[in-house]
Amino acid sequence: MESVTKVIPQDDYHLLITFCTGETKLFDARPYLEKGVFTRLKEKGLFNQAYVAYDTICWPGNLDIAPETLYDRSQPVSS
């Protein structure tokens, strides 16, 4: 499993993610903002509080996205 080692919230509800493999990828969180508990992340202040815990990305209020989802649904960033 590819675990998350670093996250930097970006504009337009994207996340710049570094994985344990050394890869850096860009995840578009916008599709999730209309689903269930993730609608709370529309509040930019909360979205920008993303942090790494338990090998994935979390937010206050017990919100997280599985690391497999983050890895599989993100786009590689060229160096």
PDB file of N, CA and C in Angstrom:
ATOM      1  N   MET A   1       0.838  -1.185   0.000  1.00  0.00           N
ATOM      2  CA  MET A   1       0.000   0.000   0.000  1.00  0.00           C
ATOM      3  C   MET A   1       0.882   1.246   0.000  1.00  0.00           C
ATOM      4  N   GLU A   2       0.494   2.220  -0.798  1.00  0.00           N
ATOM      5  CA  GLU A   2       1.225   3.477  -0.883  1.00  0.00           C
ATOM      6  C   GLU A   2       0.710   4.421   0.199  1.00  0.00           C
ATOM      7  N   SER A   3       1.496   4.659   1.215  1.00  0.00           N
ATOM      8  CA  SER A   3       1.061   5.553   2.290  1.00  0.00           C
ATOM      9  C   SER A   3       1.486   6.986   1.981  1.00  0.00           C
ATOM     10  N   VAL A   4       0.724   7.915   2.526  1.00  0.00           N
ATOM     11  CA  VAL A   4       0.969   9.343   2.327  1.00  0.00           C
ATOM     12  C   VAL A   4       2.015   9.806   3.338  1.00  0.00           C
ATOM     13  N   THR A   5       2.991  10.583   2.867  1.00  0.00           N
ATOM     14  CA  THR A   5       4.005  11.127   3.771  1.00  0.00           C
ATOM     15  C   THR A   5       3.922  12.640   3.908  1.00  0.00           C
ATOM     16  N   LYS A   6       3.266  13.305   2.917  1.00  0.00           N
ATOM     17  CA  LYS A   6       3.173  14.763   2.961  1.00  0.00           C
ATOM     18  C   LYS A   6       1.977  15.213   2.143  1.00  0.00           C
ATOM     19  N   VAL A   7       1.311  16.270   2.603  1.00  0.00           N
ATOM     20  CA  VAL A   7       0.213  16.858   1.844  1.00  0.00           C
ATOM     21  C   VAL A   7       0.302  18.374   1.910  1.00  0.00           C
ATOM     22  N   ILE A   8       0.042  19.004   0.770  1.00  0.00           N
ATOM     23  CA  ILE A   8      -0.025  20.466   0.695  1.00  0.00           C
ATOM     24  C   ILE A   8      -1.310  20.823  -0.045  1.00  0.00           C
ATOM     25  N   PRO A   9      -2.291  21.396   0.666  1.00  0.00           N
ATOM     26  CA  PRO A   9      -3.521  21.827  -0.013  1.00  0.00           C
ATOM     27  C   PRO A   9      -3.203  22.905  -1.062  1.00  0.00           C
ATOM     28  N   GLN A  10      -3.863  22.802  -2.203  1.00  0.00           N
ATOM     29  CA  GLN A  10      -3.672  23.737  -3.308  1.00  0.00           C
ATOM     30  C   GLN A  10      -4.971  24.500  -3.566  1.00  0.00           C
ATOM     31  N   ASP A  11      -4.901  25.475  -4.448  1.00  0.00           N
ATOM     32  CA  ASP A  11      -6.102  26.196  -4.865  1.00  0.00           C
ATOM     33  C   ASP A  11      -7.047  25.239  -5.592  1.00  0.00           C
ATOM     34  N   ASP A  12      -8.291  25.618  -5.681  1.00  0.00           N
ATOM     35  CA  ASP A  12      -9.305  24.855  -6.414  1.00  0.00           C
ATOM     36  C   ASP A  12      -9.491  23.435  -5.883  1.00  0.00           C
ATOM     37  N   TYR A  13      -9.313  23.245  -4.597  1.00  0.00           N
ATOM     38  CA  TYR A  13      -9.581  21.969  -3.921  1.00  0.00           C
ATOM     39  C   TYR A  13      -8.767  20.806  -4.496  1.00  0.00           C
ATOM     40  N   HIS A  14      -7.504  21.064  -4.711  1.00  0.00           N
ATOM     41  CA  HIS A  14      -6.555  20.017  -5.091  1.00  0.00           C
ATOM     42  C   HIS A  14      -5.600  19.798  -3.923  1.00  0.00           C
ATOM     43  N   LEU A  15      -5.019  18.604  -3.886  1.00  0.00           N
ATOM     44  CA  LEU A  15      -4.039  18.256  -2.856  1.00  0.00           C
ATOM     45  C   LEU A  15      -2.767  17.784  -3.537  1.00  0.00           C
ATOM     46  N   LEU A  16      -1.646  18.376  -3.182  1.00  0.00           N
ATOM     47  CA  LEU A  16      -0.347  17.918  -3.659  1.00  0.00           C
ATOM     48  C   LEU A  16       0.143  16.918  -2.631  1.00  0.00           C
ATOM     49  N   ILE A  17       0.289  15.671  -3.063  1.00  0.00           N
ATOM     50  CA  ILE A  17       0.559  14.572  -2.137  1.00  0.00           C
ATOM     51  C   ILE A  17       1.882  13.898  -2.469  1.00  0.00           C
ATOM     52  N   THR A  18       2.681  13.645  -1.441  1.00  0.00           N
ATOM     53  CA  THR A  18       3.884  12.833  -1.582  1.00  0.00           C
ATOM     54  C   THR A  18       3.607  11.497  -0.911  1.00  0.00           C
ATOM     55  N   PHE A  19       3.938  10.421  -1.626  1.00  0.00           N
ATOM     56  CA  PHE A  19       3.724   9.062  -1.126  1.00  0.00           C
ATOM     57  C   PHE A  19       5.042   8.439  -0.690  1.00  0.00           C
ATOM     58  N   CYS A  20       4.958   7.355   0.055  1.00  0.00           N
ATOM     59  CA  CYS A  20       6.146   6.673   0.573  1.00  0.00           C
ATOM     60  C   CYS A  20       7.051   6.161  -0.549  1.00  0.00           C
ATOM     61  N   THR A  21       6.512   6.044  -1.749  1.00  0.00           N
ATOM     62  CA  THR A  21       7.288   5.602  -2.906  1.00  0.00           C
ATOM     63  C   THR A  21       8.195   6.703  -3.439  1.00  0.00           C
ATOM     64  N   GLY A  22       8.001   7.938  -2.922  1.00  0.00           N
ATOM     65  CA  GLY A  22       8.747   9.087  -3.412  1.00  0.00           C
ATOM     66  C   GLY A  22       8.006   9.841  -4.500  1.00  0.00           C
ATOM     67  N   GLU A  23       6.896   9.281  -4.967  1.00  0.00           N
ATOM     68  CA  GLU A  23       6.103   9.934  -6.007  1.00  0.00           C
ATOM     69  C   GLU A  23       5.328  11.119  -5.437  1.00  0.00           C
ATOM     70  N   THR A  24       5.197  12.152  -6.259  1.00  0.00           N
ATOM     71  CA  THR A  24       4.345  13.291  -5.917  1.00  0.00           C
ATOM     72  C   THR A  24       3.226  13.322  -6.940  1.00  0.00           C
ATOM     73  N   LYS A  25       1.993  13.418  -6.421  1.00  0.00           N
ATOM     74  CA  LYS A  25       0.826  13.383  -7.299  1.00  0.00           C
ATOM     75  C   LYS A  25      -0.160  14.465  -6.876  1.00  0.00           C
ATOM     76  N   LEU A  26      -1.032  14.830  -7.812  1.00  0.00           N
ATOM     77  CA  LEU A  26      -2.045  15.852  -7.567  1.00  0.00           C
ATOM     78  C   LEU A  26      -3.425  15.199  -7.558  1.00  0.00           C
ATOM     79  N   PHE A  27      -4.132  15.381  -6.449  1.00  0.00           N
ATOM     80  CA  PHE A  27      -5.460  14.793  -6.268  1.00  0.00           C
ATOM     81  C   PHE A  27      -6.514  15.883  -6.349  1.00  0.00           C
ATOM     82  N   ASP A  28      -7.511  15.686  -7.187  1.00  0.00           N
ATOM     83  CA  ASP A  28      -8.616  16.621  -7.335  1.00  0.00           C
ATOM     84  C   ASP A  28      -9.739  16.183  -6.388  1.00  0.00           C
ATOM     85  N   ALA A  29      -9.954  16.943  -5.325  1.00  0.00           N
ATOM     86  CA  ALA A  29     -10.970  16.584  -4.323  1.00  0.00           C
ATOM     87  C   ALA A  29     -12.356  17.108  -4.679  1.00  0.00           C
ATOM     88  N   ARG A  30     -12.475  17.895  -5.730  1.00  0.00           N
ATOM     89  CA  ARG A  30     -13.764  18.508  -6.064  1.00  0.00           C
ATOM     90  C   ARG A  30     -14.919  17.522  -6.207  1.00  0.00           C
ATOM     91  N   PRO A  31     -14.734  16.344  -6.830  1.00  0.00           N
ATOM     92  CA  PRO A  31     -15.868  15.421  -6.943  1.00  0.00           C
ATOM     93  C   PRO A  31     -16.399  14.945  -5.583  1.00  0.00           C
ATOM     94  N   TYR A  32     -15.586  14.984  -4.568  1.00  0.00           N
ATOM     95  CA  TYR A  32     -15.986  14.510  -3.243  1.00  0.00           C
ATOM     96  C   TYR A  32     -16.770  15.564  -2.461  1.00  0.00           C
ATOM     97  N   LEU A  33     -16.695  16.807  -2.875  1.00  0.00           N
ATOM     98  CA  LEU A  33     -17.307  17.902  -2.126  1.00  0.00           C
ATOM     99  C   LEU A  33     -18.830  17.877  -2.164  1.00  0.00           C
ATOM    100  N   GLU A  34     -19.400  17.025  -2.977  1.00  0.00           N
ATOM    101  CA  GLU A  34     -20.860  16.887  -3.068  1.00  0.00           C
ATOM    102  C   GLU A  34     -21.344  15.594  -2.425  1.00  0.00           C
ATOM    103  N   LYS A  35     -20.461  14.891  -1.727  1.00  0.00           N
ATOM    104  CA  LYS A  35     -20.797  13.566  -1.195  1.00  0.00           C
ATOM    105  C   LYS A  35     -20.734  13.528   0.327  1.00  0.00           C
ATOM    106  N   GLY A  36     -21.862  13.235   0.949  1.00  0.00           N
ATOM    107  CA  GLY A  36     -21.928  12.964   2.378  1.00  0.00           C
ATOM    108  C   GLY A  36     -21.176  13.944   3.254  1.00  0.00           C
ATOM    109  N   VAL A  37     -20.357  13.392   4.159  1.00  0.00           N
ATOM    110  CA  VAL A  37     -19.626  14.209   5.134  1.00  0.00           C
ATOM    111  C   VAL A  37     -18.595  15.125   4.485  1.00  0.00           C
ATOM    112  N   PHE A  38     -18.195  14.813   3.262  1.00  0.00           N
ATOM    113  CA  PHE A  38     -17.173  15.619   2.594  1.00  0.00           C
ATOM    114  C   PHE A  38     -17.685  16.988   2.160  1.00  0.00           C
ATOM    115  N   THR A  39     -18.993  17.202   2.179  1.00  0.00           N
ATOM    116  CA  THR A  39     -19.521  18.525   1.828  1.00  0.00           C
ATOM    117  C   THR A  39     -18.967  19.587   2.764  1.00  0.00           C
ATOM    118  N   ARG A  40     -18.580  19.191   3.978  1.00  0.00           N
ATOM    119  CA  ARG A  40     -17.996  20.152   4.929  1.00  0.00           C
ATOM    120  C   ARG A  40     -16.687  20.737   4.420  1.00  0.00           C
ATOM    121  N   LEU A  41     -16.012  20.000   3.533  1.00  0.00           N
ATOM    122  CA  LEU A  41     -14.718  20.464   3.013  1.00  0.00           C
ATOM    123  C   LEU A  41     -14.858  21.601   2.007  1.00  0.00           C
ATOM    124  N   LYS A  42     -16.081  21.936   1.629  1.00  0.00           N
ATOM    125  CA  LYS A  42     -16.289  23.109   0.772  1.00  0.00           C
ATOM    126  C   LYS A  42     -15.816  24.371   1.489  1.00  0.00           C
ATOM    127  N   GLU A  43     -15.832  24.338   2.809  1.00  0.00           N
ATOM    128  CA  GLU A  43     -15.341  25.469   3.606  1.00  0.00           C
ATOM    129  C   GLU A  43     -13.818  25.455   3.480  1.00  0.00           C
ATOM    130  N   LYS A  44     -13.301  26.405   2.732  1.00  0.00           N
ATOM    131  CA  LYS A  44     -11.873  26.422   2.371  1.00  0.00           C
ATOM    132  C   LYS A  44     -10.952  26.367   3.590  1.00  0.00           C
ATOM    133  N   GLY A  45     -11.360  27.027   4.677  1.00  0.00           N
ATOM    134  CA  GLY A  45     -10.542  26.996   5.888  1.00  0.00           C
ATOM    135  C   GLY A  45     -10.361  25.591   6.421  1.00  0.00           C
ATOM    136  N   LEU A  46     -11.417  24.798   6.367  1.00  0.00           N
ATOM    137  CA  LEU A  46     -11.330  23.404   6.816  1.00  0.00           C
ATOM    138  C   LEU A  46     -10.520  22.577   5.824  1.00  0.00           C
ATOM    139  N   PHE A  47     -10.780  22.753   4.533  1.00  0.00           N
ATOM    140  CA  PHE A  47     -10.041  22.005   3.514  1.00  0.00           C
ATOM    141  C   PHE A  47      -8.537  22.217   3.671  1.00  0.00           C
ATOM    142  N   ASN A  48      -8.143  23.443   3.947  1.00  0.00           N
ATOM    143  CA  ASN A  48      -6.720  23.770   4.070  1.00  0.00           C
ATOM    144  C   ASN A  48      -6.073  23.238   5.341  1.00  0.00           C
ATOM    145  N   GLN A  49      -6.856  22.640   6.229  1.00  0.00           N
ATOM    146  CA  GLN A  49      -6.304  22.041   7.444  1.00  0.00           C
ATOM    147  C   GLN A  49      -5.912  20.575   7.247  1.00  0.00           C
ATOM    148  N   ALA A  50      -5.860  20.127   6.014  1.00  0.00           N
ATOM    149  CA  ALA A  50      -5.474  18.744   5.722  1.00  0.00           C
ATOM    150  C   ALA A  50      -4.129  18.422   6.368  1.00  0.00           C
ATOM    151  N   TYR A  51      -4.035  17.229   6.937  1.00  0.00           N
ATOM    152  CA  TYR A  51      -2.787  16.792   7.556  1.00  0.00           C
ATOM    153  C   TYR A  51      -2.623  15.281   7.356  1.00  0.00           C
ATOM    154  N   VAL A  52      -1.417  14.799   7.550  1.00  0.00           N
ATOM    155  CA  VAL A  52      -1.125  13.378   7.389  1.00  0.00           C
ATOM    156  C   VAL A  52      -1.222  12.683   8.741  1.00  0.00           C
ATOM    157  N   ALA A  53      -1.993  11.616   8.787  1.00  0.00           N
ATOM    158  CA  ALA A  53      -2.105  10.751   9.967  1.00  0.00           C
ATOM    159  C   ALA A  53      -2.553   9.371   9.486  1.00  0.00           C
ATOM    160  N   TYR A  54      -2.103   8.355  10.175  1.00  0.00           N
ATOM    161  CA  TYR A  54      -2.509   6.975   9.843  1.00  0.00           C
ATOM    162  C   TYR A  54      -2.241   6.633   8.381  1.00  0.00           C
ATOM    163  N   ASP A  55      -1.154   7.161   7.827  1.00  0.00           N
ATOM    164  CA  ASP A  55      -0.709   6.886   6.457  1.00  0.00           C
ATOM    165  C   ASP A  55      -1.617   7.457   5.381  1.00  0.00           C
ATOM    166  N   THR A  56      -2.478   8.400   5.741  1.00  0.00           N
ATOM    167  CA  THR A  56      -3.371   9.005   4.757  1.00  0.00           C
ATOM    168  C   THR A  56      -3.593  10.475   5.078  1.00  0.00           C
ATOM    169  N   ILE A  57      -4.504  11.115   4.357  1.00  0.00           N
ATOM    170  CA  ILE A  57      -4.838  12.516   4.600  1.00  0.00           C
ATOM    171  C   ILE A  57      -6.098  12.591   5.439  1.00  0.00           C
ATOM    172  N   CYS A  58      -6.040  13.424   6.472  1.00  0.00           N
ATOM    173  CA  CYS A  58      -7.166  13.605   7.383  1.00  0.00           C
ATOM    174  C   CYS A  58      -7.479  15.085   7.526  1.00  0.00           C
ATOM    175  N   TRP A  59      -8.673  15.352   8.047  1.00  0.00           N
ATOM    176  CA  TRP A  59      -9.102  16.702   8.401  1.00  0.00           C
ATOM    177  C   TRP A  59      -9.749  16.645   9.769  1.00  0.00           C
ATOM    178  N   PRO A  60      -9.816  17.761  10.456  1.00  0.00           N
ATOM    179  CA  PRO A  60     -10.530  17.791  11.732  1.00  0.00           C
ATOM    180  C   PRO A  60     -11.972  17.314  11.532  1.00  0.00           C
ATOM    181  N   GLY A  61     -12.514  16.668  12.555  1.00  0.00           N
ATOM    182  CA  GLY A  61     -13.882  16.156  12.460  1.00  0.00           C
ATOM    183  C   GLY A  61     -13.939  14.733  11.954  1.00  0.00           C
ATOM    184  N   ASN A  62     -12.822  14.008  12.075  1.00  0.00           N
ATOM    185  CA  ASN A  62     -12.763  12.599  11.669  1.00  0.00           C
ATOM    186  C   ASN A  62     -13.028  12.371  10.185  1.00  0.00           C
ATOM    187  N   LEU A  63     -12.541  13.269   9.352  1.00  0.00           N
ATOM    188  CA  LEU A  63     -12.648  13.103   7.912  1.00  0.00           C
ATOM    189  C   LEU A  63     -11.333  12.578   7.367  1.00  0.00           C
ATOM    190  N   ASP A  64     -11.407  11.620   6.464  1.00  0.00           N
ATOM    191  CA  ASP A  64     -10.202  11.126   5.788  1.00  0.00           C
ATOM    192  C   ASP A  64     -10.591  10.461   4.480  1.00  0.00           C
ATOM    193  N   ILE A  65      -9.613  10.293   3.631  1.00  0.00           N
ATOM    194  CA  ILE A  65      -9.780   9.584   2.367  1.00  0.00           C
ATOM    195  C   ILE A  65      -8.743   8.474   2.345  1.00  0.00           C
ATOM    196  N   ALA A  66      -9.165   7.283   1.964  1.00  0.00           N
ATOM    197  CA  ALA A  66      -8.272   6.122   1.949  1.00  0.00           C
ATOM    198  C   ALA A  66      -7.055   6.380   1.077  1.00  0.00           C
ATOM    199  N   PRO A  67      -5.867   5.949   1.530  1.00  0.00           N
ATOM    200  CA  PRO A  67      -4.652   6.195   0.745  1.00  0.00           C
ATOM    201  C   PRO A  67      -4.692   5.549  -0.634  1.00  0.00           C
ATOM    202  N   GLU A  68      -5.373   4.404  -0.758  1.00  0.00           N
ATOM    203  CA  GLU A  68      -5.470   3.749  -2.075  1.00  0.00           C
ATOM    204  C   GLU A  68      -6.240   4.629  -3.044  1.00  0.00           C
ATOM    205  N   THR A  69      -7.300   5.258  -2.552  1.00  0.00           N
ATOM    206  CA  THR A  69      -8.092   6.170  -3.387  1.00  0.00           C
ATOM    207  C   THR A  69      -7.244   7.362  -3.805  1.00  0.00           C
ATOM    208  N   LEU A  70      -6.530   7.929  -2.859  1.00  0.00           N
ATOM    209  CA  LEU A  70      -5.678   9.080  -3.161  1.00  0.00           C
ATOM    210  C   LEU A  70      -4.643   8.726  -4.226  1.00  0.00           C
ATOM    211  N   TYR A  71      -4.033   7.573  -4.090  1.00  0.00           N
ATOM    212  CA  TYR A  71      -2.989   7.159  -5.027  1.00  0.00           C
ATOM    213  C   TYR A  71      -3.571   6.855  -6.408  1.00  0.00           C
ATOM    214  N   ASP A  72      -4.635   6.059  -6.431  1.00  0.00           N
ATOM    215  CA  ASP A  72      -5.206   5.615  -7.702  1.00  0.00           C
ATOM    216  C   ASP A  72      -5.879   6.734  -8.482  1.00  0.00           C
ATOM    217  N   ARG A  73      -6.421   7.722  -7.791  1.00  0.00           N
ATOM    218  CA  ARG A  73      -7.205   8.767  -8.475  1.00  0.00           C
ATOM    219  C   ARG A  73      -6.468  10.101  -8.580  1.00  0.00           C
ATOM    220  N   SER A  74      -5.180  10.077  -8.379  1.00  0.00           N
ATOM    221  CA  SER A  74      -4.394  11.310  -8.519  1.00  0.00           C
ATOM    222  C   SER A  74      -3.504  11.212  -9.761  1.00  0.00           C
ATOM    223  N   GLN A  75      -3.066  12.367 -10.203  1.00  0.00           N
ATOM    224  CA  GLN A  75      -2.248  12.447 -11.423  1.00  0.00           C
ATOM    225  C   GLN A  75      -0.792  12.726 -11.055  1.00  0.00           C
ATOM    226  N   PRO A  76       0.137  12.039 -11.712  1.00  0.00           N
ATOM    227  CA  PRO A  76       1.557  12.294 -11.440  1.00  0.00           C
ATOM    228  C   PRO A  76       1.926  13.745 -11.742  1.00  0.00           C
ATOM    229  N   VAL A  77       2.832  14.266 -10.939  1.00  0.00           N
ATOM    230  CA  VAL A  77       3.351  15.620 -11.136  1.00  0.00           C
ATOM    231  C   VAL A  77       4.768  15.473 -11.668  1.00  0.00           C
ATOM    232  N   SER A  78       5.024  16.104 -12.811  1.00  0.00           N
ATOM    233  CA  SER A  78       6.381  16.011 -13.358  1.00  0.00           C
ATOM    234  C   SER A  78       7.311  16.916 -12.557  1.00  0.00           C
ATOM    235  N   SER A  79       8.535  16.444 -12.396  1.00  0.00           N
ATOM    236  CA  SER A  79       9.489  17.204 -11.573  1.00  0.00           C
ATOM    237  C   SER A  79      10.204  18.280 -12.319  1.00  0.00           C
TER     238      SER A  79
END
